[in-house]
């Protein structure tokens, strides 16, 4: 398995935050094999699984899928990109209050955000 991992094509950085991607194989010959590619920055991950094909096919498929995703587009002038679900750090920055209330406020703000903003790029 180690030889196979060393021969694998290079993973591109995360499309969302630019963080380093890591790859992990899960399972054995008696179960479903999974290949997990995960960003060390924002923790985004994708999982590919296989029952019939070998590790080499799974590894190539998972890396190709990670590397072909769309690159992150820049936010238009005057805007920033934010996650749909607030992070714990974002909730803490809001201050005192129940997390449920903070999440409802966040959902309301997202729902009220301008739609169809033209990208400046």
Foldseek 3Di string as FASTA:
>chain_A
DVVLVVPADAAFAQLPPRAHKDWDWDDDLVDKIKIKIFGPPPGDIDIDIDNPDDPNVRRNVRRVVRRPDDHDAAAAPPDHDDDLFHDPVRLVVVPDDDPVVVRVVSNVVVVPDDPPDDHPD
